[in-house]
């Protein structure tokens, strides 16, 4: 996984993943699910991952906005 350290001015930032969760057996369908990681210092590796039967759709670095 990428290192987070992309926050503005070297501030801690969380990694935010959008995962596609596969639901249903006969007619499977995707449900987007957002997973927020803990606030990490610049240069630390994030520990957030998508769960079982999930695929990463997109990711971004969160802000306090």
N, C-alpha and C. Protein backbone atom coordinates (compact mmCIF):
# COMPACT_ATOMS: atom_id res chain seq x y z
N UNK A 1 0.85 -1.17 0.00
CA UNK A 1 0.00 0.00 0.00
C UNK A 1 0.89 1.22 0.00
N UNK A 2 0.42 2.29 -0.57
CA UNK A 2 1.19 3.54 -0.64
C UNK A 2 1.34 4.18 0.73
N UNK A 3 2.39 4.96 0.86
CA UNK A 3 2.56 5.74 2.08
C UNK A 3 1.64 6.94 2.00
N UNK A 4 1.10 7.36 3.12
CA UNK A 4 0.13 8.44 3.12
C UNK A 4 0.77 9.77 2.86
N UNK A 5 1.78 10.20 3.56
CA UNK A 5 2.44 11.48 3.54
C UNK A 5 2.14 12.44 2.41
N UNK A 6 0.92 12.53 1.92
CA UNK A 6 0.56 13.42 0.83
C UNK A 6 -0.21 14.62 1.36
N UNK A 7 -0.49 14.64 2.65
CA UNK A 7 -1.26 15.73 3.25
C UNK A 7 -0.56 17.07 3.06
N UNK A 8 -1.32 18.16 3.11
CA UNK A 8 -0.77 19.49 2.92
C UNK A 8 0.20 19.83 4.04
N UNK A 9 1.33 20.38 3.67
CA UNK A 9 2.33 20.88 4.62
C UNK A 9 2.79 19.81 5.62
N UNK A 10 2.79 18.56 5.23
CA UNK A 10 3.28 17.51 6.11
C UNK A 10 2.40 17.20 7.30
N UNK A 11 1.14 17.54 7.23
CA UNK A 11 0.21 17.27 8.34
C UNK A 11 -0.29 15.83 8.27
N UNK A 12 -0.66 15.25 9.41
CA UNK A 12 -1.23 13.90 9.39
C UNK A 12 -2.53 13.88 8.57
N UNK A 13 -2.79 12.76 7.91
CA UNK A 13 -4.00 12.64 7.10
C UNK A 13 -4.44 11.18 7.07
N UNK A 14 -5.75 10.93 6.99
CA UNK A 14 -6.23 9.55 6.89
C UNK A 14 -6.34 9.11 5.43
N UNK A 15 -6.20 7.83 5.20
CA UNK A 15 -6.45 7.28 3.88
C UNK A 15 -7.91 6.88 3.82
N UNK A 16 -8.61 7.23 2.75
CA UNK A 16 -10.03 6.91 2.58
C UNK A 16 -10.15 5.99 1.37
N UNK A 17 -10.67 4.79 1.58
CA UNK A 17 -10.88 3.82 0.49
C UNK A 17 -12.36 3.74 0.17
N UNK A 18 -12.67 3.61 -1.13
CA UNK A 18 -14.03 3.28 -1.54
C UNK A 18 -13.95 1.86 -2.11
N UNK A 19 -14.62 0.93 -1.43
CA UNK A 19 -14.57 -0.48 -1.81
C UNK A 19 -15.88 -0.90 -2.45
N UNK A 20 -15.80 -1.81 -3.41
CA UNK A 20 -16.99 -2.45 -3.97
C UNK A 20 -17.20 -3.75 -3.22
N UNK A 21 -18.28 -3.85 -2.47
CA UNK A 21 -18.60 -5.06 -1.73
C UNK A 21 -19.54 -5.90 -2.59
N UNK A 22 -19.19 -7.15 -2.82
CA UNK A 22 -20.00 -8.05 -3.64
C UNK A 22 -21.04 -8.70 -2.74
N UNK A 23 -22.33 -8.48 -3.04
CA UNK A 23 -23.43 -9.07 -2.26
C UNK A 23 -24.28 -9.94 -3.16
N UNK A 24 -24.83 -11.00 -2.60
CA UNK A 24 -25.74 -11.87 -3.32
C UNK A 24 -25.02 -13.02 -3.99
N UNK A 25 -25.67 -14.16 -4.02
CA UNK A 25 -25.07 -15.34 -4.65
C UNK A 25 -25.63 -15.58 -6.06
N UNK A 26 -26.95 -15.58 -6.21
CA UNK A 26 -27.54 -15.85 -7.51
C UNK A 26 -27.35 -14.70 -8.49
N UNK A 27 -27.64 -13.49 -8.03
CA UNK A 27 -27.45 -12.30 -8.85
C UNK A 27 -26.57 -11.32 -8.08
N UNK A 28 -25.25 -11.51 -8.13
CA UNK A 28 -24.36 -10.65 -7.35
C UNK A 28 -24.42 -9.20 -7.83
N UNK A 29 -24.30 -8.28 -6.90
CA UNK A 29 -24.27 -6.86 -7.23
C UNK A 29 -23.28 -6.16 -6.31
N UNK A 30 -22.78 -5.03 -6.81
CA UNK A 30 -21.77 -4.26 -6.07
C UNK A 30 -22.44 -3.18 -5.24
N UNK A 31 -21.93 -2.98 -4.03
CA UNK A 31 -22.38 -1.90 -3.16
C UNK A 31 -21.13 -1.11 -2.79
N UNK A 32 -21.09 0.19 -3.12
CA UNK A 32 -19.91 0.96 -2.71
C UNK A 32 -19.89 1.17 -1.20
N UNK A 33 -18.74 1.01 -0.60
CA UNK A 33 -18.59 1.11 0.86
C UNK A 33 -17.35 1.94 1.13
N UNK A 34 -17.47 2.97 1.94
CA UNK A 34 -16.34 3.84 2.25
C UNK A 34 -15.70 3.41 3.57
N UNK A 35 -14.39 3.25 3.55
CA UNK A 35 -13.63 2.85 4.73
C UNK A 35 -12.63 3.96 5.04
N UNK A 36 -12.66 4.47 6.27
CA UNK A 36 -11.76 5.54 6.69
C UNK A 36 -10.65 4.96 7.57
N UNK A 37 -9.42 5.28 7.23
CA UNK A 37 -8.29 4.82 8.03
C UNK A 37 -7.99 5.80 9.16
N UNK A 38 -7.11 5.41 10.07
CA UNK A 38 -6.72 6.31 11.16
C UNK A 38 -5.84 7.44 10.63
N UNK A 39 -5.73 8.49 11.41
CA UNK A 39 -4.86 9.62 11.05
C UNK A 39 -3.42 9.15 11.18
N UNK A 40 -2.68 9.21 10.07
CA UNK A 40 -1.29 8.76 10.04
C UNK A 40 -0.36 9.94 9.84
N UNK A 41 0.82 9.87 10.43
CA UNK A 41 1.84 10.89 10.22
C UNK A 41 2.42 10.73 8.81
N UNK A 42 2.92 11.81 8.21
CA UNK A 42 3.52 11.69 6.87
C UNK A 42 4.63 10.64 6.85
N UNK A 43 4.62 9.82 5.82
CA UNK A 43 5.62 8.78 5.66
C UNK A 43 5.25 7.44 6.25
N UNK A 44 4.20 7.36 7.08
CA UNK A 44 3.79 6.08 7.66
C UNK A 44 2.90 5.32 6.68
N UNK A 45 2.96 4.01 6.75
CA UNK A 45 2.11 3.19 5.88
C UNK A 45 0.73 3.04 6.51
N UNK A 46 -0.33 3.22 5.71
CA UNK A 46 -1.69 3.09 6.25
C UNK A 46 -2.03 1.63 6.54
N UNK A 47 -2.93 1.43 7.50
CA UNK A 47 -3.31 0.08 7.89
C UNK A 47 -4.74 -0.27 7.46
N UNK A 48 -5.41 0.60 6.74
CA UNK A 48 -6.79 0.36 6.34
C UNK A 48 -6.83 -0.49 5.06
N UNK A 49 -7.73 -1.46 5.02
CA UNK A 49 -7.89 -2.33 3.84
C UNK A 49 -9.37 -2.58 3.60
N UNK A 50 -9.71 -2.97 2.38
CA UNK A 50 -11.08 -3.39 2.09
C UNK A 50 -11.28 -4.79 2.67
N UNK A 51 -12.50 -5.12 3.05
CA UNK A 51 -12.78 -6.39 3.69
C UNK A 51 -12.90 -7.56 2.73
N UNK A 52 -13.35 -8.69 3.28
CA UNK A 52 -13.54 -9.92 2.52
C UNK A 52 -14.59 -9.71 1.44
N UNK A 53 -14.42 -10.28 0.26
CA UNK A 53 -15.31 -10.14 -0.89
C UNK A 53 -15.47 -8.68 -1.32
N UNK A 54 -14.41 -7.91 -1.17
CA UNK A 54 -14.43 -6.50 -1.54
C UNK A 54 -13.26 -6.20 -2.47
N UNK A 55 -13.45 -5.18 -3.30
CA UNK A 55 -12.41 -4.75 -4.22
C UNK A 55 -12.28 -3.24 -4.11
N UNK A 56 -11.06 -2.73 -4.22
CA UNK A 56 -10.83 -1.29 -4.11
C UNK A 56 -11.32 -0.60 -5.37
N UNK A 57 -12.25 0.33 -5.22
CA UNK A 57 -12.75 1.13 -6.35
C UNK A 57 -11.89 2.37 -6.52
N UNK A 58 -11.62 3.08 -5.42
CA UNK A 58 -10.79 4.27 -5.47
C UNK A 58 -10.24 4.56 -4.08
N UNK A 59 -9.30 5.50 -4.00
CA UNK A 59 -8.76 5.91 -2.72
C UNK A 59 -8.38 7.37 -2.81
N UNK A 60 -8.30 8.02 -1.65
CA UNK A 60 -7.89 9.42 -1.58
C UNK A 60 -7.34 9.67 -0.18
N UNK A 61 -6.67 10.79 -0.05
CA UNK A 61 -6.17 11.21 1.25
C UNK A 61 -7.17 12.19 1.82
N UNK A 62 -7.68 11.91 3.02
CA UNK A 62 -8.70 12.75 3.63
C UNK A 62 -8.12 14.03 4.21
N UNK A 63 -9.00 14.99 4.47
CA UNK A 63 -8.61 16.24 5.09
C UNK A 63 -9.61 16.56 6.19
N UNK A 64 -9.32 17.56 7.01
CA UNK A 64 -10.21 17.94 8.07
C UNK A 64 -11.38 18.79 7.57
N UNK A 65 -11.28 19.33 6.39
CA UNK A 65 -12.29 20.23 5.81
C UNK A 65 -13.51 20.24 6.55
